[in-house]
N, C-alpha and C. Protein backbone atom coordinates (compact mmCIF):
# COMPACT_ATOMS: atom_id res chain seq x y z
N UNK A 1 89.74 90.28 84.08
CA UNK A 1 90.51 91.51 84.01
C UNK A 1 91.98 91.20 83.71
N UNK A 2 92.22 90.02 83.21
CA UNK A 2 93.59 89.61 82.91
C UNK A 2 94.24 90.61 81.98
N UNK A 3 95.53 90.87 82.19
CA UNK A 3 96.22 91.95 81.49
C UNK A 3 97.21 91.42 80.49
N UNK A 4 97.11 91.93 79.27
CA UNK A 4 98.08 91.56 78.24
C UNK A 4 98.66 92.81 77.60
N UNK A 5 98.43 93.97 78.23
CA UNK A 5 98.83 95.22 77.60
C UNK A 5 100.31 95.50 77.72
N UNK A 6 100.99 94.85 78.68
CA UNK A 6 102.39 95.19 78.92
C UNK A 6 103.27 94.90 77.71
N UNK A 7 102.94 93.85 76.96
CA UNK A 7 103.77 93.46 75.83
C UNK A 7 103.75 94.52 74.74
N UNK A 8 102.61 95.22 74.57
CA UNK A 8 102.49 96.20 73.51
C UNK A 8 102.70 97.62 74.00
N UNK A 9 103.03 97.79 75.27
CA UNK A 9 103.19 99.12 75.83
C UNK A 9 104.46 99.77 75.31
N UNK A 10 104.41 101.12 75.10
CA UNK A 10 105.59 101.85 74.67
C UNK A 10 106.46 102.21 75.86
N UNK A 11 105.99 101.98 77.07
CA UNK A 11 106.74 102.26 78.28
C UNK A 11 107.49 101.00 78.71
N UNK A 12 108.74 101.19 79.06
CA UNK A 12 109.56 100.06 79.47
C UNK A 12 109.38 99.82 80.97
N UNK A 13 109.05 98.60 81.37
CA UNK A 13 108.91 98.33 82.80
C UNK A 13 110.25 98.40 83.49
N UNK A 14 110.27 98.73 84.78
CA UNK A 14 111.55 98.74 85.50
C UNK A 14 112.15 97.34 85.53
N UNK A 15 113.47 97.27 85.50
CA UNK A 15 114.12 95.97 85.59
C UNK A 15 113.76 95.33 86.92
N UNK A 16 113.91 94.01 87.02
CA UNK A 16 113.53 93.34 88.26
C UNK A 16 114.33 93.83 89.46
N UNK A 17 115.66 94.04 89.36
CA UNK A 17 116.38 94.58 90.52
C UNK A 17 115.87 95.96 90.92
N UNK A 18 115.60 96.82 89.93
CA UNK A 18 115.07 98.15 90.22
C UNK A 18 113.68 98.06 90.81
N UNK A 19 112.86 97.16 90.27
CA UNK A 19 111.50 96.96 90.76
C UNK A 19 111.51 96.58 92.24
N UNK A 20 112.32 95.58 92.60
CA UNK A 20 112.37 95.14 93.99
C UNK A 20 112.99 96.20 94.90
N UNK A 21 113.93 96.96 94.35
CA UNK A 21 114.52 98.04 95.14
C UNK A 21 113.51 99.12 95.46
N UNK A 22 112.72 99.51 94.46
CA UNK A 22 111.69 100.53 94.67
C UNK A 22 110.63 100.02 95.65
N UNK A 23 110.19 98.78 95.45
CA UNK A 23 109.17 98.21 96.33
C UNK A 23 109.66 98.15 97.78
N UNK A 24 110.88 97.71 97.97
CA UNK A 24 111.44 97.64 99.32
C UNK A 24 111.52 99.02 99.95
N UNK A 25 111.92 100.02 99.17
CA UNK A 25 112.02 101.39 99.68
C UNK A 25 110.66 101.92 100.10
N UNK A 26 109.62 101.60 99.32
CA UNK A 26 108.27 102.08 99.66
C UNK A 26 107.80 101.46 100.97
N UNK A 27 108.02 100.15 101.13
CA UNK A 27 107.66 99.50 102.38
C UNK A 27 108.43 100.12 103.55
N UNK A 28 109.72 100.37 103.35
CA UNK A 28 110.55 100.93 104.42
C UNK A 28 110.08 102.33 104.80
N UNK A 29 109.74 103.13 103.81
CA UNK A 29 109.26 104.49 104.08
C UNK A 29 107.94 104.45 104.84
N UNK A 30 107.03 103.58 104.41
CA UNK A 30 105.73 103.46 105.08
C UNK A 30 105.89 103.02 106.53
N UNK A 31 106.71 101.99 106.74
CA UNK A 31 106.90 101.47 108.10
C UNK A 31 107.57 102.49 109.00
N UNK A 32 108.61 103.15 108.49
CA UNK A 32 109.31 104.12 109.32
C UNK A 32 108.44 105.34 109.60
N UNK A 33 107.61 105.73 108.64
CA UNK A 33 106.69 106.85 108.86
C UNK A 33 105.69 106.51 109.96
N UNK A 34 105.14 105.31 109.90
CA UNK A 34 104.20 104.90 110.94
C UNK A 34 104.88 104.81 112.31
N UNK A 35 106.14 104.39 112.32
CA UNK A 35 106.88 104.32 113.58
C UNK A 35 107.03 105.72 114.18
N UNK A 36 107.35 106.69 113.34
CA UNK A 36 107.48 108.07 113.85
C UNK A 36 106.13 108.64 114.29
N UNK A 37 105.04 108.06 113.77
CA UNK A 37 103.69 108.49 114.17
C UNK A 37 103.25 107.83 115.47
N UNK A 38 104.07 106.94 116.01
CA UNK A 38 103.75 106.29 117.28
C UNK A 38 103.19 104.90 117.16
N UNK A 39 103.14 104.36 115.94
CA UNK A 39 102.65 103.00 115.78
C UNK A 39 103.67 102.02 116.36
N UNK A 40 103.18 100.96 116.96
CA UNK A 40 104.04 99.93 117.54
C UNK A 40 104.16 98.74 116.59
N UNK A 41 105.25 98.00 116.73
CA UNK A 41 105.47 96.86 115.84
C UNK A 41 104.31 95.88 115.90
N UNK A 42 103.89 95.49 117.12
CA UNK A 42 102.78 94.55 117.30
C UNK A 42 101.60 95.20 118.01
N UNK A 43 101.48 96.51 117.94
CA UNK A 43 100.31 97.17 118.50
C UNK A 43 100.40 97.43 119.99
N UNK A 44 99.26 97.84 120.56
CA UNK A 44 99.24 98.31 121.94
C UNK A 44 99.57 97.21 122.94
N UNK A 45 99.26 95.95 122.61
CA UNK A 45 99.53 94.87 123.54
C UNK A 45 100.97 94.38 123.46
N UNK A 46 101.60 94.62 122.33
CA UNK A 46 102.97 94.17 122.13
C UNK A 46 103.09 92.67 121.94
N UNK A 47 101.96 91.99 121.81
CA UNK A 47 101.95 90.53 121.68
C UNK A 47 101.88 90.13 120.21
N UNK A 48 102.87 89.40 119.71
CA UNK A 48 102.84 89.00 118.31
C UNK A 48 101.79 87.92 118.05
N UNK A 49 101.29 87.87 116.84
CA UNK A 49 100.30 86.86 116.48
C UNK A 49 100.06 86.86 114.98
N UNK A 50 99.49 85.77 114.49
CA UNK A 50 99.23 85.63 113.06
C UNK A 50 97.81 86.05 112.69
N UNK A 51 96.81 85.56 113.43
CA UNK A 51 95.42 85.79 113.05
C UNK A 51 94.58 86.19 114.25
N UNK A 52 93.77 87.22 114.08
CA UNK A 52 92.78 87.61 115.09
C UNK A 52 91.42 87.63 114.41
N UNK A 53 90.58 86.66 114.75
CA UNK A 53 89.29 86.54 114.08
C UNK A 53 88.18 87.36 114.69
N UNK A 54 88.38 87.86 115.89
CA UNK A 54 87.36 88.65 116.60
C UNK A 54 87.64 90.13 116.38
N UNK A 55 86.74 90.82 115.64
CA UNK A 55 86.99 92.23 115.35
C UNK A 55 86.84 93.11 116.59
N UNK A 56 86.27 92.57 117.66
CA UNK A 56 86.14 93.33 118.90
C UNK A 56 87.29 93.04 119.87
N UNK A 57 88.20 92.17 119.44
CA UNK A 57 89.35 91.83 120.27
C UNK A 57 90.37 92.97 120.24
N UNK A 58 91.12 93.16 121.31
CA UNK A 58 92.19 94.17 121.28
C UNK A 58 93.30 93.82 120.30
N UNK A 59 93.28 92.57 119.81
CA UNK A 59 94.29 92.15 118.83
C UNK A 59 93.87 92.45 117.41
N UNK A 60 92.63 92.91 117.20
CA UNK A 60 92.19 93.26 115.85
C UNK A 60 93.03 94.43 115.34
N UNK A 61 93.51 94.31 114.13
CA UNK A 61 94.39 95.30 113.51
C UNK A 61 95.78 95.35 114.15
N UNK A 62 96.09 94.37 114.99
CA UNK A 62 97.40 94.32 115.65
C UNK A 62 98.21 93.11 115.18
N UNK A 63 97.53 91.97 114.95
CA UNK A 63 98.22 90.79 114.46
C UNK A 63 98.48 90.91 112.95
N UNK A 64 99.12 89.88 112.41
CA UNK A 64 99.44 89.92 110.98
C UNK A 64 98.19 90.05 110.12
N UNK A 65 97.14 89.32 110.46
CA UNK A 65 95.93 89.35 109.64
C UNK A 65 94.69 89.27 110.51
N UNK A 66 93.57 89.72 109.96
CA UNK A 66 92.27 89.69 110.61
C UNK A 66 91.22 89.76 109.51
N UNK A 67 89.93 89.71 109.84
CA UNK A 67 88.92 89.73 108.77
C UNK A 67 89.04 90.91 107.81
N UNK A 68 89.53 92.05 108.31
CA UNK A 68 89.65 93.22 107.44
C UNK A 68 90.75 93.07 106.40
N UNK A 69 91.58 92.06 106.55
CA UNK A 69 92.61 91.80 105.54
C UNK A 69 91.97 91.55 104.17
N UNK A 70 90.76 90.96 104.19
CA UNK A 70 90.08 90.67 102.93
C UNK A 70 89.67 91.95 102.21
N UNK A 71 89.40 93.02 102.98
CA UNK A 71 89.04 94.28 102.33
C UNK A 71 90.23 94.85 101.57
N UNK A 72 91.43 94.51 102.00
CA UNK A 72 92.61 95.01 101.31
C UNK A 72 92.87 94.23 100.02
N UNK A 73 92.42 92.99 99.97
CA UNK A 73 92.45 92.28 98.69
C UNK A 73 91.55 93.01 97.71
N UNK A 74 90.40 93.46 98.20
CA UNK A 74 89.49 94.25 97.35
C UNK A 74 90.15 95.55 96.93
N UNK A 75 90.89 96.19 97.83
CA UNK A 75 91.65 97.39 97.44
C UNK A 75 92.48 97.09 96.19
N UNK A 76 93.20 95.98 96.23
CA UNK A 76 94.08 95.63 95.12
C UNK A 76 93.34 95.42 93.82
N UNK A 77 92.20 94.75 93.90
CA UNK A 77 91.38 94.54 92.70
C UNK A 77 90.91 95.89 92.15
N UNK A 78 90.46 96.77 93.04
CA UNK A 78 89.96 98.08 92.61
C UNK A 78 91.08 98.95 92.05
N UNK A 79 92.24 98.92 92.68
CA UNK A 79 93.38 99.68 92.16
C UNK A 79 93.80 99.16 90.79
N UNK A 80 93.73 97.84 90.63
CA UNK A 80 94.07 97.29 89.33
C UNK A 80 93.13 97.87 88.27
N UNK A 81 91.83 97.85 88.55
CA UNK A 81 90.85 98.38 87.61
C UNK A 81 91.05 99.87 87.36
N UNK A 82 91.34 100.62 88.42
CA UNK A 82 91.54 102.07 88.27
C UNK A 82 92.74 102.38 87.39
N UNK A 83 93.87 101.74 87.70
CA UNK A 83 95.07 102.03 86.93
C UNK A 83 95.02 101.42 85.53
N UNK A 84 94.22 100.38 85.37
CA UNK A 84 94.02 99.84 84.02
C UNK A 84 93.31 100.87 83.15
N UNK A 85 92.36 101.58 83.77
CA UNK A 85 91.61 102.60 83.03
C UNK A 85 92.43 103.87 82.82
N UNK A 86 93.19 104.28 83.83
CA UNK A 86 93.88 105.57 83.78
C UNK A 86 95.30 105.49 83.21
N UNK A 87 95.93 104.33 83.35
CA UNK A 87 97.34 104.24 82.95
C UNK A 87 97.62 102.94 82.21
N UNK A 88 96.73 102.57 81.32
CA UNK A 88 96.86 101.29 80.61
C UNK A 88 98.14 101.22 79.78
N UNK A 89 98.64 102.40 79.37
CA UNK A 89 99.85 102.40 78.54
C UNK A 89 101.09 101.97 79.32
N UNK A 90 100.98 102.01 80.66
CA UNK A 90 102.11 101.56 81.47
C UNK A 90 102.05 100.04 81.67
N UNK A 91 103.19 99.38 81.71
CA UNK A 91 103.20 97.93 81.92
C UNK A 91 102.69 97.57 83.31
N UNK A 92 102.27 96.32 83.47
CA UNK A 92 101.69 95.87 84.73
C UNK A 92 102.65 96.09 85.89
N UNK A 93 103.93 95.87 85.66
CA UNK A 93 104.91 96.02 86.73
C UNK A 93 104.92 97.45 87.26
N UNK A 94 104.77 98.42 86.38
CA UNK A 94 104.74 99.81 86.80
C UNK A 94 103.45 100.13 87.55
N UNK A 95 102.34 99.58 87.06
CA UNK A 95 101.07 99.81 87.75
C UNK A 95 101.02 99.12 89.11
N UNK A 96 101.74 98.02 89.23
CA UNK A 96 101.88 97.35 90.52
C UNK A 96 102.54 98.29 91.52
N UNK A 97 103.59 98.98 91.08
CA UNK A 97 104.27 99.94 91.96
C UNK A 97 103.36 101.14 92.27
N UNK A 98 102.55 101.57 91.30
CA UNK A 98 101.59 102.64 91.55
C UNK A 98 100.61 102.23 92.66
N UNK A 99 100.17 100.98 92.58
CA UNK A 99 99.26 100.45 93.59
C UNK A 99 99.94 100.39 94.94
N UNK A 100 101.19 99.99 94.96
CA UNK A 100 101.95 99.93 96.21
C UNK A 100 102.05 101.32 96.84
N UNK A 101 102.35 102.32 96.03
CA UNK A 101 102.43 103.70 96.55
C UNK A 101 101.08 104.16 97.10
N UNK A 102 100.01 103.90 96.34
CA UNK A 102 98.68 104.33 96.76
C UNK A 102 98.25 103.66 98.05
N UNK A 103 98.49 102.35 98.17
CA UNK A 103 98.08 101.63 99.37
C UNK A 103 98.94 102.02 100.56
N UNK A 104 100.24 102.23 100.34
CA UNK A 104 101.11 102.67 101.43
C UNK A 104 100.68 104.05 101.93
N UNK A 105 100.32 104.94 101.01
CA UNK A 105 99.85 106.27 101.40
C UNK A 105 98.56 106.17 102.22
N UNK A 106 97.66 105.26 101.80
CA UNK A 106 96.43 105.08 102.55
C UNK A 106 96.72 104.55 103.95
N UNK A 107 97.62 103.60 104.06
CA UNK A 107 97.94 103.03 105.37
C UNK A 107 98.49 104.10 106.31
N UNK A 108 99.31 104.99 105.79
CA UNK A 108 99.84 106.08 106.62
C UNK A 108 98.70 107.01 107.04
N UNK A 109 97.83 107.36 106.08
CA UNK A 109 96.71 108.25 106.39
C UNK A 109 95.74 107.58 107.35
N UNK A 110 95.49 106.28 107.16
CA UNK A 110 94.57 105.54 108.01
C UNK A 110 95.04 105.53 109.46
N UNK A 111 96.34 105.59 109.65
CA UNK A 111 96.89 105.56 111.00
C UNK A 111 97.20 106.94 111.57
N UNK A 112 96.68 107.96 110.90
CA UNK A 112 96.79 109.31 111.43
C UNK A 112 95.76 109.51 112.53
N UNK A 113 95.98 110.46 113.40
CA UNK A 113 95.05 110.75 114.50
C UNK A 113 93.67 111.09 113.97
N UNK A 114 93.62 111.80 112.83
CA UNK A 114 92.34 112.21 112.27
C UNK A 114 91.46 111.01 111.93
N UNK A 115 92.04 110.03 111.21
CA UNK A 115 91.25 108.87 110.80
C UNK A 115 90.94 107.96 111.99
N UNK A 116 91.90 107.80 112.89
CA UNK A 116 91.66 106.97 114.07
C UNK A 116 90.49 107.51 114.87
N UNK A 117 90.47 108.82 115.09
CA UNK A 117 89.37 109.42 115.84
C UNK A 117 88.06 109.32 115.06
N UNK A 118 88.14 109.41 113.74
CA UNK A 118 86.94 109.28 112.91
C UNK A 118 86.36 107.87 113.02
N UNK A 119 87.23 106.87 112.97
CA UNK A 119 86.77 105.49 113.14
C UNK A 119 86.07 105.33 114.49
N UNK A 120 86.67 105.85 115.54
CA UNK A 120 86.13 105.66 116.88
C UNK A 120 84.82 106.41 117.08
N UNK A 121 84.65 107.52 116.39
CA UNK A 121 83.45 108.33 116.57
C UNK A 121 82.29 107.90 115.68
N UNK A 122 82.60 107.37 114.49
CA UNK A 122 81.54 107.15 113.50
C UNK A 122 81.25 105.70 113.19
N UNK A 123 82.10 104.77 113.63
CA UNK A 123 81.89 103.37 113.28
C UNK A 123 81.78 102.53 114.55
N UNK A 124 81.70 101.20 114.36
CA UNK A 124 81.61 100.31 115.52
C UNK A 124 82.97 100.11 116.17
N UNK A 125 84.02 100.66 115.56
CA UNK A 125 85.38 100.47 116.09
C UNK A 125 85.70 101.50 117.17
N UNK A 126 84.94 101.45 118.27
CA UNK A 126 85.10 102.45 119.33
C UNK A 126 86.46 102.35 120.01
N UNK A 127 87.05 101.17 120.03
CA UNK A 127 88.33 100.97 120.71
C UNK A 127 89.48 100.85 119.73
N UNK A 128 89.31 101.42 118.54
CA UNK A 128 90.36 101.35 117.53
C UNK A 128 91.48 102.31 117.88
N UNK A 129 92.71 101.81 117.92
CA UNK A 129 93.87 102.63 118.25
C UNK A 129 94.87 102.70 117.09
N UNK A 130 94.42 102.29 115.92
CA UNK A 130 95.31 102.25 114.79
C UNK A 130 95.90 100.86 114.60
N UNK A 131 96.54 100.67 113.46
CA UNK A 131 97.14 99.38 113.14
C UNK A 131 98.54 99.26 113.75
N UNK A 132 98.95 98.04 114.02
CA UNK A 132 100.36 97.81 114.31
C UNK A 132 101.11 97.93 112.99
N UNK A 133 102.42 98.13 113.07
CA UNK A 133 103.21 98.23 111.85
C UNK A 133 103.15 96.92 111.07
N UNK A 134 103.20 95.80 111.77
CA UNK A 134 103.12 94.50 111.10
C UNK A 134 101.79 94.35 110.37
N UNK A 135 100.70 94.70 111.03
CA UNK A 135 99.39 94.60 110.41
C UNK A 135 99.26 95.52 109.21
N UNK A 136 99.78 96.73 109.35
CA UNK A 136 99.71 97.68 108.26
C UNK A 136 100.50 97.21 107.04
N UNK A 137 101.70 96.67 107.28
CA UNK A 137 102.49 96.17 106.16
C UNK A 137 101.83 94.94 105.52
N UNK A 138 101.19 94.11 106.35
CA UNK A 138 100.49 92.95 105.78
C UNK A 138 99.28 93.40 104.97
N UNK A 139 98.62 94.48 105.40
CA UNK A 139 97.51 95.02 104.62
C UNK A 139 97.98 95.42 103.22
N UNK A 140 99.14 96.02 103.16
CA UNK A 140 99.71 96.38 101.85
C UNK A 140 99.95 95.13 101.02
N UNK A 141 100.47 94.09 101.66
CA UNK A 141 100.73 92.82 100.95
C UNK A 141 99.44 92.20 100.43
N UNK A 142 98.38 92.24 101.24
CA UNK A 142 97.10 91.70 100.80
C UNK A 142 96.56 92.51 99.62
N UNK A 143 96.76 93.81 99.64
CA UNK A 143 96.35 94.65 98.52
C UNK A 143 97.10 94.25 97.25
N UNK A 144 98.39 94.06 97.38
CA UNK A 144 99.19 93.66 96.21
C UNK A 144 98.78 92.29 95.70
N UNK A 145 98.38 91.41 96.62
CA UNK A 145 97.86 90.10 96.22
C UNK A 145 96.58 90.26 95.41
N UNK A 146 95.72 91.17 95.84
CA UNK A 146 94.49 91.44 95.10
C UNK A 146 94.78 91.97 93.71
N UNK A 147 95.77 92.86 93.61
CA UNK A 147 96.18 93.38 92.30
C UNK A 147 96.68 92.25 91.41
N UNK A 148 97.51 91.39 91.98
CA UNK A 148 98.06 90.26 91.22
C UNK A 148 96.95 89.35 90.72
N UNK A 149 95.97 89.06 91.59
CA UNK A 149 94.84 88.23 91.17
C UNK A 149 94.09 88.88 90.02
N UNK A 150 93.79 90.17 90.16
CA UNK A 150 93.02 90.86 89.13
C UNK A 150 93.77 90.91 87.80
N UNK A 151 95.10 90.93 87.86
CA UNK A 151 95.88 90.99 86.62
C UNK A 151 95.84 89.67 85.87
N UNK A 152 95.38 88.61 86.53
CA UNK A 152 95.38 87.29 85.91
C UNK A 152 93.99 86.69 85.72
N UNK A 153 93.02 87.27 86.38
CA UNK A 153 91.66 86.74 86.29
C UNK A 153 90.83 87.54 85.30
N UNK A 154 89.85 86.92 84.65
CA UNK A 154 88.91 87.69 83.84
C UNK A 154 88.17 88.71 84.71
N UNK A 155 87.77 89.81 84.13
CA UNK A 155 87.13 90.89 84.88
C UNK A 155 85.92 90.40 85.66
N UNK A 156 85.11 89.53 85.04
CA UNK A 156 83.90 89.07 85.71
C UNK A 156 84.23 88.22 86.93
N UNK A 157 85.34 87.48 86.87
CA UNK A 157 85.74 86.67 88.01
C UNK A 157 86.24 87.57 89.14
N UNK A 158 87.00 88.61 88.80
CA UNK A 158 87.46 89.56 89.81
C UNK A 158 86.27 90.24 90.48
N UNK A 159 85.29 90.63 89.67
CA UNK A 159 84.10 91.27 90.22
C UNK A 159 83.36 90.32 91.15
N UNK A 160 83.22 89.07 90.74
CA UNK A 160 82.53 88.08 91.56
C UNK A 160 83.30 87.85 92.86
N UNK A 161 84.61 87.83 92.79
CA UNK A 161 85.43 87.64 93.99
C UNK A 161 85.18 88.75 94.99
N UNK A 162 85.13 89.99 94.51
CA UNK A 162 84.86 91.13 95.39
C UNK A 162 83.48 91.01 96.02
N UNK A 163 82.48 90.66 95.22
CA UNK A 163 81.12 90.52 95.74
C UNK A 163 81.07 89.43 96.81
N UNK A 164 81.71 88.31 96.57
CA UNK A 164 81.71 87.21 97.53
C UNK A 164 82.38 87.64 98.83
N UNK A 165 83.53 88.30 98.74
CA UNK A 165 84.23 88.72 99.95
C UNK A 165 83.43 89.76 100.73
N UNK A 166 82.86 90.72 100.03
CA UNK A 166 82.06 91.75 100.69
C UNK A 166 80.83 91.14 101.38
N UNK A 167 80.17 90.22 100.68
CA UNK A 167 79.00 89.56 101.25
C UNK A 167 79.36 88.72 102.46
N UNK A 168 80.45 87.95 102.34
CA UNK A 168 80.88 87.10 103.45
C UNK A 168 81.23 87.94 104.67
N UNK A 169 81.91 89.05 104.48
CA UNK A 169 82.27 89.91 105.61
C UNK A 169 81.02 90.53 106.24
N UNK A 170 80.09 90.96 105.41
CA UNK A 170 78.85 91.55 105.95
C UNK A 170 78.08 90.54 106.78
N UNK A 171 78.08 89.28 106.35
CA UNK A 171 77.34 88.25 107.06
C UNK A 171 78.05 87.77 108.33
N UNK A 172 79.38 87.81 108.32
CA UNK A 172 80.13 87.25 109.46
C UNK A 172 80.53 88.30 110.49
N UNK A 173 80.94 89.49 110.05
CA UNK A 173 81.37 90.51 111.02
C UNK A 173 80.53 91.78 110.94
N UNK A 174 79.49 91.77 110.09
CA UNK A 174 78.61 92.92 109.91
C UNK A 174 79.39 94.17 109.48
N UNK A 175 80.39 93.95 108.68
CA UNK A 175 81.18 95.06 108.15
C UNK A 175 81.79 94.62 106.83
N UNK A 176 82.28 95.56 106.06
CA UNK A 176 82.90 95.27 104.77
C UNK A 176 83.56 96.55 104.31
N UNK A 177 84.25 96.51 103.18
CA UNK A 177 84.88 97.71 102.66
C UNK A 177 83.83 98.77 102.34
N UNK A 178 82.75 98.36 101.66
CA UNK A 178 81.71 99.31 101.30
C UNK A 178 81.07 99.93 102.54
N UNK A 179 80.73 99.11 103.52
CA UNK A 179 80.12 99.63 104.75
C UNK A 179 81.10 100.54 105.49
N UNK A 180 82.36 100.17 105.47
CA UNK A 180 83.39 100.97 106.13
C UNK A 180 83.47 102.36 105.51
N UNK A 181 83.44 102.41 104.19
CA UNK A 181 83.51 103.70 103.48
C UNK A 181 82.29 104.54 103.79
N UNK A 182 81.10 103.91 103.74
CA UNK A 182 79.87 104.63 104.03
C UNK A 182 79.91 105.23 105.43
N UNK A 183 80.31 104.43 106.40
CA UNK A 183 80.28 104.88 107.78
C UNK A 183 81.35 105.93 108.08
N UNK A 184 82.44 105.90 107.34
CA UNK A 184 83.47 106.92 107.52
C UNK A 184 83.04 108.27 106.93
N UNK A 185 82.39 108.21 105.76
CA UNK A 185 82.01 109.44 105.06
C UNK A 185 80.69 110.00 105.57
N UNK A 186 79.69 109.13 105.67
CA UNK A 186 78.36 109.60 106.08
C UNK A 186 77.71 108.53 106.94
N UNK A 187 77.98 108.55 108.24
CA UNK A 187 77.45 107.51 109.13
C UNK A 187 75.93 107.41 109.07
N UNK A 188 75.46 106.18 108.94
CA UNK A 188 74.02 105.91 108.89
C UNK A 188 73.63 105.22 110.19
N UNK A 189 72.79 105.84 111.02
CA UNK A 189 72.43 105.25 112.32
C UNK A 189 71.89 103.82 112.21
N UNK A 190 71.08 103.55 111.19
CA UNK A 190 70.51 102.21 111.04
C UNK A 190 71.60 101.16 110.83
N UNK A 191 72.63 101.52 110.05
CA UNK A 191 73.75 100.59 109.83
C UNK A 191 74.51 100.40 111.12
N UNK A 192 74.74 101.47 111.85
CA UNK A 192 75.48 101.38 113.10
C UNK A 192 74.76 100.51 114.10
N UNK A 193 73.44 100.64 114.20
CA UNK A 193 72.65 99.80 115.12
C UNK A 193 72.72 98.34 114.71
N UNK A 194 72.63 98.09 113.41
CA UNK A 194 72.72 96.69 112.93
C UNK A 194 74.09 96.12 113.22
N UNK A 195 75.14 96.91 112.99
CA UNK A 195 76.49 96.43 113.25
C UNK A 195 76.72 96.15 114.73
N UNK A 196 76.04 96.91 115.58
CA UNK A 196 76.18 96.72 117.03
C UNK A 196 75.30 95.59 117.53
N UNK A 197 74.53 94.97 116.63
CA UNK A 197 73.67 93.86 117.01
C UNK A 197 72.38 94.28 117.66
N UNK A 198 71.96 95.50 117.41
CA UNK A 198 70.73 95.99 118.05
C UNK A 198 69.54 95.84 117.12
């Protein structure tokens, strides 16, 4: 899915200072919005950390990264494909900012009371209290990393990467982006029982 369209695009990409200014502003808006929503810097425990490998741990979605961070790499790959199809005339730098806006908006929505309660009611995340601000911002970074990878890899390699990550997550934590979407939209009891180890 490597991108070469920016050179022939009629749209001028934002200058690098403007690009970094816009990106910084989006991160700041997302973080401050989550703060006003009651999100904590390091989550409910207030304990900083880099990695939480146990999805049932109270540190899941609170530290910088956890297994679900890989689903955000997939977000980036999918956003790259979406904006490649819908806005190919825009240079990659502009589509990168589009992805940043989309992922930041999702992070804010994901940490709303509506989605938090939905996660707790319909998925295995019964003790989910939302992301810490640090975790949420890192999720955005992982998404942007996925976009960057997709902009440089052939489409088939990006697709294979997503399949490998989704499969690995399903085998190790019994969850993945696809399963997460299914269970949020239309919970399947059989999937829930399997995820609970029953």
